C-alpha cells in the first residue's frame, strides 16, 4: 500500500500550524489531534493520534483514526 500524497498547495493550506509527521506529510494539530489534507488513503500507512482526520481530496473522502496507530475508517457517505 502506498503512502498518501500532498501537493505544495495542500501543505500551504495547513499553515500557520504546520508540522510534518515521520512520513513527511504536513498537518495541523488542534487539541492533540491531527488534520491532514491530501490524496490517497491513510489506512495502514499513517500513524496519528486517535480522532485525527484525513481529508482525501480525490474522493472526496474523510477518514478518522480509530486506534492511535495506523487504523483509519471512512466517515459517513461522501458523494
N, C-alpha and C. Protein backbone atom coordinates (compact mmCIF):
# COMPACT_ATOMS: atom_id res chain seq x y z
N UNK A 1 0.85 -1.17 0.00
CA UNK A 1 0.00 0.00 0.00
C UNK A 1 0.89 1.23 0.00
N UNK A 2 0.60 2.18 -0.87
CA UNK A 2 1.44 3.38 -0.95
C UNK A 2 0.94 4.47 -0.02
N UNK A 3 1.85 5.35 0.32
CA UNK A 3 1.51 6.47 1.19
C UNK A 3 0.64 7.47 0.45
N UNK A 4 -0.24 8.17 1.16
CA UNK A 4 -0.98 9.27 0.55
C UNK A 4 0.01 10.36 0.13
N UNK A 5 -0.40 11.23 -0.76
CA UNK A 5 0.46 12.31 -1.21
C UNK A 5 -0.21 13.66 -0.96
N UNK A 6 0.61 14.70 -0.96
CA UNK A 6 0.12 16.06 -0.81
C UNK A 6 0.84 16.95 -1.80
N UNK A 7 0.13 17.95 -2.33
CA UNK A 7 0.75 18.96 -3.18
C UNK A 7 1.27 20.08 -2.29
N UNK A 8 2.09 20.94 -2.85
CA UNK A 8 2.56 22.10 -2.09
C UNK A 8 1.37 22.97 -1.67
N UNK A 9 0.32 23.03 -2.51
CA UNK A 9 -0.88 23.79 -2.15
C UNK A 9 -1.57 23.17 -0.94
N UNK A 10 -1.60 21.83 -0.85
CA UNK A 10 -2.17 21.16 0.33
C UNK A 10 -1.40 21.57 1.58
N UNK A 11 -0.08 21.56 1.48
CA UNK A 11 0.75 21.91 2.64
C UNK A 11 0.59 23.37 3.02
N UNK A 12 0.48 24.24 2.03
CA UNK A 12 0.31 25.67 2.31
C UNK A 12 -1.03 25.92 2.99
N UNK A 13 -2.03 25.08 2.69
CA UNK A 13 -3.35 25.26 3.27
C UNK A 13 -3.44 24.93 4.73
N UNK A 14 -2.41 24.29 5.32
CA UNK A 14 -2.48 23.93 6.73
C UNK A 14 -1.70 24.90 7.61
N UNK A 15 -1.18 25.95 7.05
CA UNK A 15 -0.49 26.94 7.86
C UNK A 15 -1.52 27.76 8.63
N UNK A 16 -1.23 28.40 9.72
CA UNK A 16 0.09 28.62 10.26
C UNK A 16 0.55 27.56 11.25
N UNK A 17 -0.25 26.54 11.49
CA UNK A 17 0.15 25.50 12.45
C UNK A 17 0.66 24.30 11.65
N UNK A 18 1.76 24.48 10.93
CA UNK A 18 2.27 23.46 10.04
C UNK A 18 3.31 22.60 10.75
N UNK A 19 3.07 21.29 10.73
CA UNK A 19 4.02 20.33 11.26
C UNK A 19 4.13 19.22 10.23
N UNK A 20 5.16 18.39 10.32
CA UNK A 20 5.28 17.23 9.46
C UNK A 20 5.45 15.98 10.31
N UNK A 21 4.81 14.88 9.88
CA UNK A 21 4.96 13.63 10.61
C UNK A 21 6.19 12.88 10.10
N UNK A 22 6.41 11.67 10.60
CA UNK A 22 7.59 10.90 10.26
C UNK A 22 7.65 10.54 8.77
N UNK A 23 6.50 10.53 8.09
CA UNK A 23 6.48 10.21 6.66
C UNK A 23 6.64 11.44 5.79
N UNK A 24 6.68 12.63 6.39
CA UNK A 24 6.82 13.87 5.64
C UNK A 24 5.51 14.52 5.27
N UNK A 25 4.38 13.96 5.72
CA UNK A 25 3.08 14.56 5.44
C UNK A 25 2.85 15.74 6.39
N UNK A 26 2.38 16.85 5.84
CA UNK A 26 2.11 18.04 6.63
C UNK A 26 0.72 17.93 7.26
N UNK A 27 0.58 18.51 8.44
CA UNK A 27 -0.70 18.52 9.14
C UNK A 27 -0.80 19.72 10.06
N UNK A 28 -2.02 20.04 10.43
CA UNK A 28 -2.27 21.00 11.51
C UNK A 28 -2.62 20.18 12.74
N UNK A 29 -2.28 20.68 13.90
CA UNK A 29 -2.61 19.97 15.13
C UNK A 29 -3.44 20.87 16.01
N UNK A 30 -4.59 20.36 16.39
CA UNK A 30 -5.51 21.11 17.24
C UNK A 30 -6.00 20.21 18.35
N UNK A 31 -5.79 20.60 19.58
CA UNK A 31 -6.28 19.83 20.71
C UNK A 31 -5.77 18.41 20.77
N UNK A 32 -4.58 18.17 20.25
CA UNK A 32 -3.99 16.83 20.31
C UNK A 32 -4.36 15.91 19.16
N UNK A 33 -5.19 16.37 18.21
CA UNK A 33 -5.47 15.58 17.02
C UNK A 33 -4.83 16.25 15.82
N UNK A 34 -4.62 15.47 14.77
CA UNK A 34 -4.03 15.99 13.55
C UNK A 34 -5.07 16.09 12.45
N UNK A 35 -4.90 17.10 11.61
CA UNK A 35 -5.78 17.31 10.47
C UNK A 35 -4.90 17.30 9.22
N UNK A 36 -5.09 16.28 8.40
CA UNK A 36 -4.33 16.12 7.16
C UNK A 36 -5.22 16.44 5.96
N UNK A 37 -4.60 16.87 4.86
CA UNK A 37 -5.28 17.06 3.58
C UNK A 37 -4.37 16.49 2.51
N UNK A 38 -4.90 15.64 1.64
CA UNK A 38 -4.08 15.07 0.58
C UNK A 38 -4.88 14.12 -0.28
N UNK A 39 -4.18 13.28 -1.01
CA UNK A 39 -4.84 12.27 -1.84
C UNK A 39 -4.32 10.90 -1.47
N UNK A 40 -5.17 9.90 -1.62
CA UNK A 40 -4.82 8.53 -1.24
C UNK A 40 -5.39 8.22 0.13
N UNK A 41 -5.35 6.96 0.49
CA UNK A 41 -5.88 6.56 1.80
C UNK A 41 -4.76 6.52 2.84
N UNK A 42 -5.02 6.98 4.05
CA UNK A 42 -4.02 6.92 5.09
C UNK A 42 -3.97 5.55 5.78
N UNK A 43 -4.95 4.68 5.49
CA UNK A 43 -5.07 3.39 6.19
C UNK A 43 -3.81 2.55 6.05
N UNK A 44 -3.31 2.08 7.18
CA UNK A 44 -2.15 1.20 7.29
C UNK A 44 -0.83 1.89 6.94
N UNK A 45 -0.84 3.20 6.69
CA UNK A 45 0.41 3.88 6.34
C UNK A 45 0.71 5.10 7.20
N UNK A 46 -0.32 5.74 7.75
CA UNK A 46 -0.12 6.98 8.51
C UNK A 46 -0.48 6.74 9.97
N UNK A 47 0.47 6.98 10.86
CA UNK A 47 0.24 6.87 12.29
C UNK A 47 -0.13 8.24 12.84
N UNK A 48 -1.22 8.31 13.58
CA UNK A 48 -1.67 9.59 14.14
C UNK A 48 -2.47 9.33 15.41
N UNK A 49 -2.64 10.36 16.24
CA UNK A 49 -3.45 10.19 17.44
C UNK A 49 -4.89 9.82 17.10
N UNK A 50 -5.52 9.06 17.99
CA UNK A 50 -6.92 8.68 17.82
C UNK A 50 -7.77 9.93 17.68
N UNK A 51 -8.68 9.93 16.70
CA UNK A 51 -9.54 11.07 16.45
C UNK A 51 -9.03 12.01 15.37
N UNK A 52 -7.79 11.80 14.92
CA UNK A 52 -7.24 12.61 13.84
C UNK A 52 -8.04 12.37 12.57
N UNK A 53 -8.03 13.36 11.65
CA UNK A 53 -8.78 13.23 10.41
C UNK A 53 -7.88 13.44 9.20
N UNK A 54 -8.24 12.78 8.11
CA UNK A 54 -7.53 12.92 6.83
C UNK A 54 -8.58 13.20 5.77
N UNK A 55 -8.52 14.39 5.16
CA UNK A 55 -9.42 14.76 4.06
C UNK A 55 -8.76 14.33 2.76
N UNK A 56 -9.34 13.34 2.12
CA UNK A 56 -8.81 12.80 0.87
C UNK A 56 -9.53 13.53 -0.27
N UNK A 57 -8.79 14.34 -1.00
CA UNK A 57 -9.39 15.26 -1.96
C UNK A 57 -9.88 14.61 -3.25
N UNK A 58 -9.31 13.49 -3.66
CA UNK A 58 -9.70 12.87 -4.92
C UNK A 58 -11.06 12.20 -4.82
N UNK A 59 -11.50 11.84 -3.62
CA UNK A 59 -12.76 11.11 -3.41
C UNK A 59 -14.01 11.93 -3.63
N UNK A 60 -14.34 12.94 -2.92
CA UNK A 60 -13.67 13.31 -1.67
C UNK A 60 -14.12 12.38 -0.54
N UNK A 61 -13.19 11.97 0.27
CA UNK A 61 -13.48 11.10 1.40
C UNK A 61 -12.88 11.68 2.67
N UNK A 62 -13.47 11.34 3.79
CA UNK A 62 -12.97 11.75 5.09
C UNK A 62 -12.68 10.49 5.89
N UNK A 63 -11.48 10.40 6.44
CA UNK A 63 -11.07 9.26 7.26
C UNK A 63 -10.79 9.74 8.67
N UNK A 64 -11.09 8.90 9.66
CA UNK A 64 -10.78 9.21 11.06
C UNK A 64 -9.93 8.08 11.64
N UNK A 65 -8.90 8.46 12.39
CA UNK A 65 -8.07 7.46 13.04
C UNK A 65 -8.81 6.90 14.25
N UNK A 66 -8.85 5.57 14.35
CA UNK A 66 -9.64 4.93 15.41
C UNK A 66 -8.82 4.23 16.48
N UNK A 67 -7.48 4.21 16.36
CA UNK A 67 -6.72 3.44 17.34
C UNK A 67 -5.39 4.06 17.77
N UNK A 68 -5.14 5.32 17.44
CA UNK A 68 -3.88 5.98 17.75
C UNK A 68 -2.70 5.27 17.10
N UNK A 69 -2.94 4.62 16.00
CA UNK A 69 -1.90 3.95 15.24
C UNK A 69 -2.18 4.17 13.75
N UNK A 70 -2.31 3.10 12.97
CA UNK A 70 -2.49 3.24 11.52
C UNK A 70 -3.86 2.77 11.04
N UNK A 71 -4.83 2.62 11.95
CA UNK A 71 -6.18 2.22 11.53
C UNK A 71 -7.04 3.45 11.32
N UNK A 72 -7.53 3.61 10.09
CA UNK A 72 -8.38 4.72 9.71
C UNK A 72 -9.67 4.17 9.13
N UNK A 73 -10.79 4.79 9.46
CA UNK A 73 -12.08 4.38 8.91
C UNK A 73 -12.70 5.54 8.17
N UNK A 74 -13.32 5.23 7.03
CA UNK A 74 -14.02 6.25 6.27
C UNK A 74 -15.22 6.70 7.09
N UNK A 75 -15.45 8.01 7.13
CA UNK A 75 -16.54 8.58 7.91
C UNK A 75 -17.67 8.97 6.97
N UNK A 76 -18.88 8.52 7.30
CA UNK A 76 -20.07 8.93 6.55
C UNK A 76 -20.08 8.46 5.12
N UNK A 77 -21.02 9.00 4.36
CA UNK A 77 -21.18 8.66 2.95
C UNK A 77 -20.86 9.90 2.13
N UNK A 78 -19.77 9.89 1.42
CA UNK A 78 -19.39 11.02 0.60
C UNK A 78 -19.88 10.78 -0.82
N UNK A 79 -20.06 11.89 -1.54
CA UNK A 79 -20.53 11.78 -2.92
C UNK A 79 -19.37 11.80 -3.89
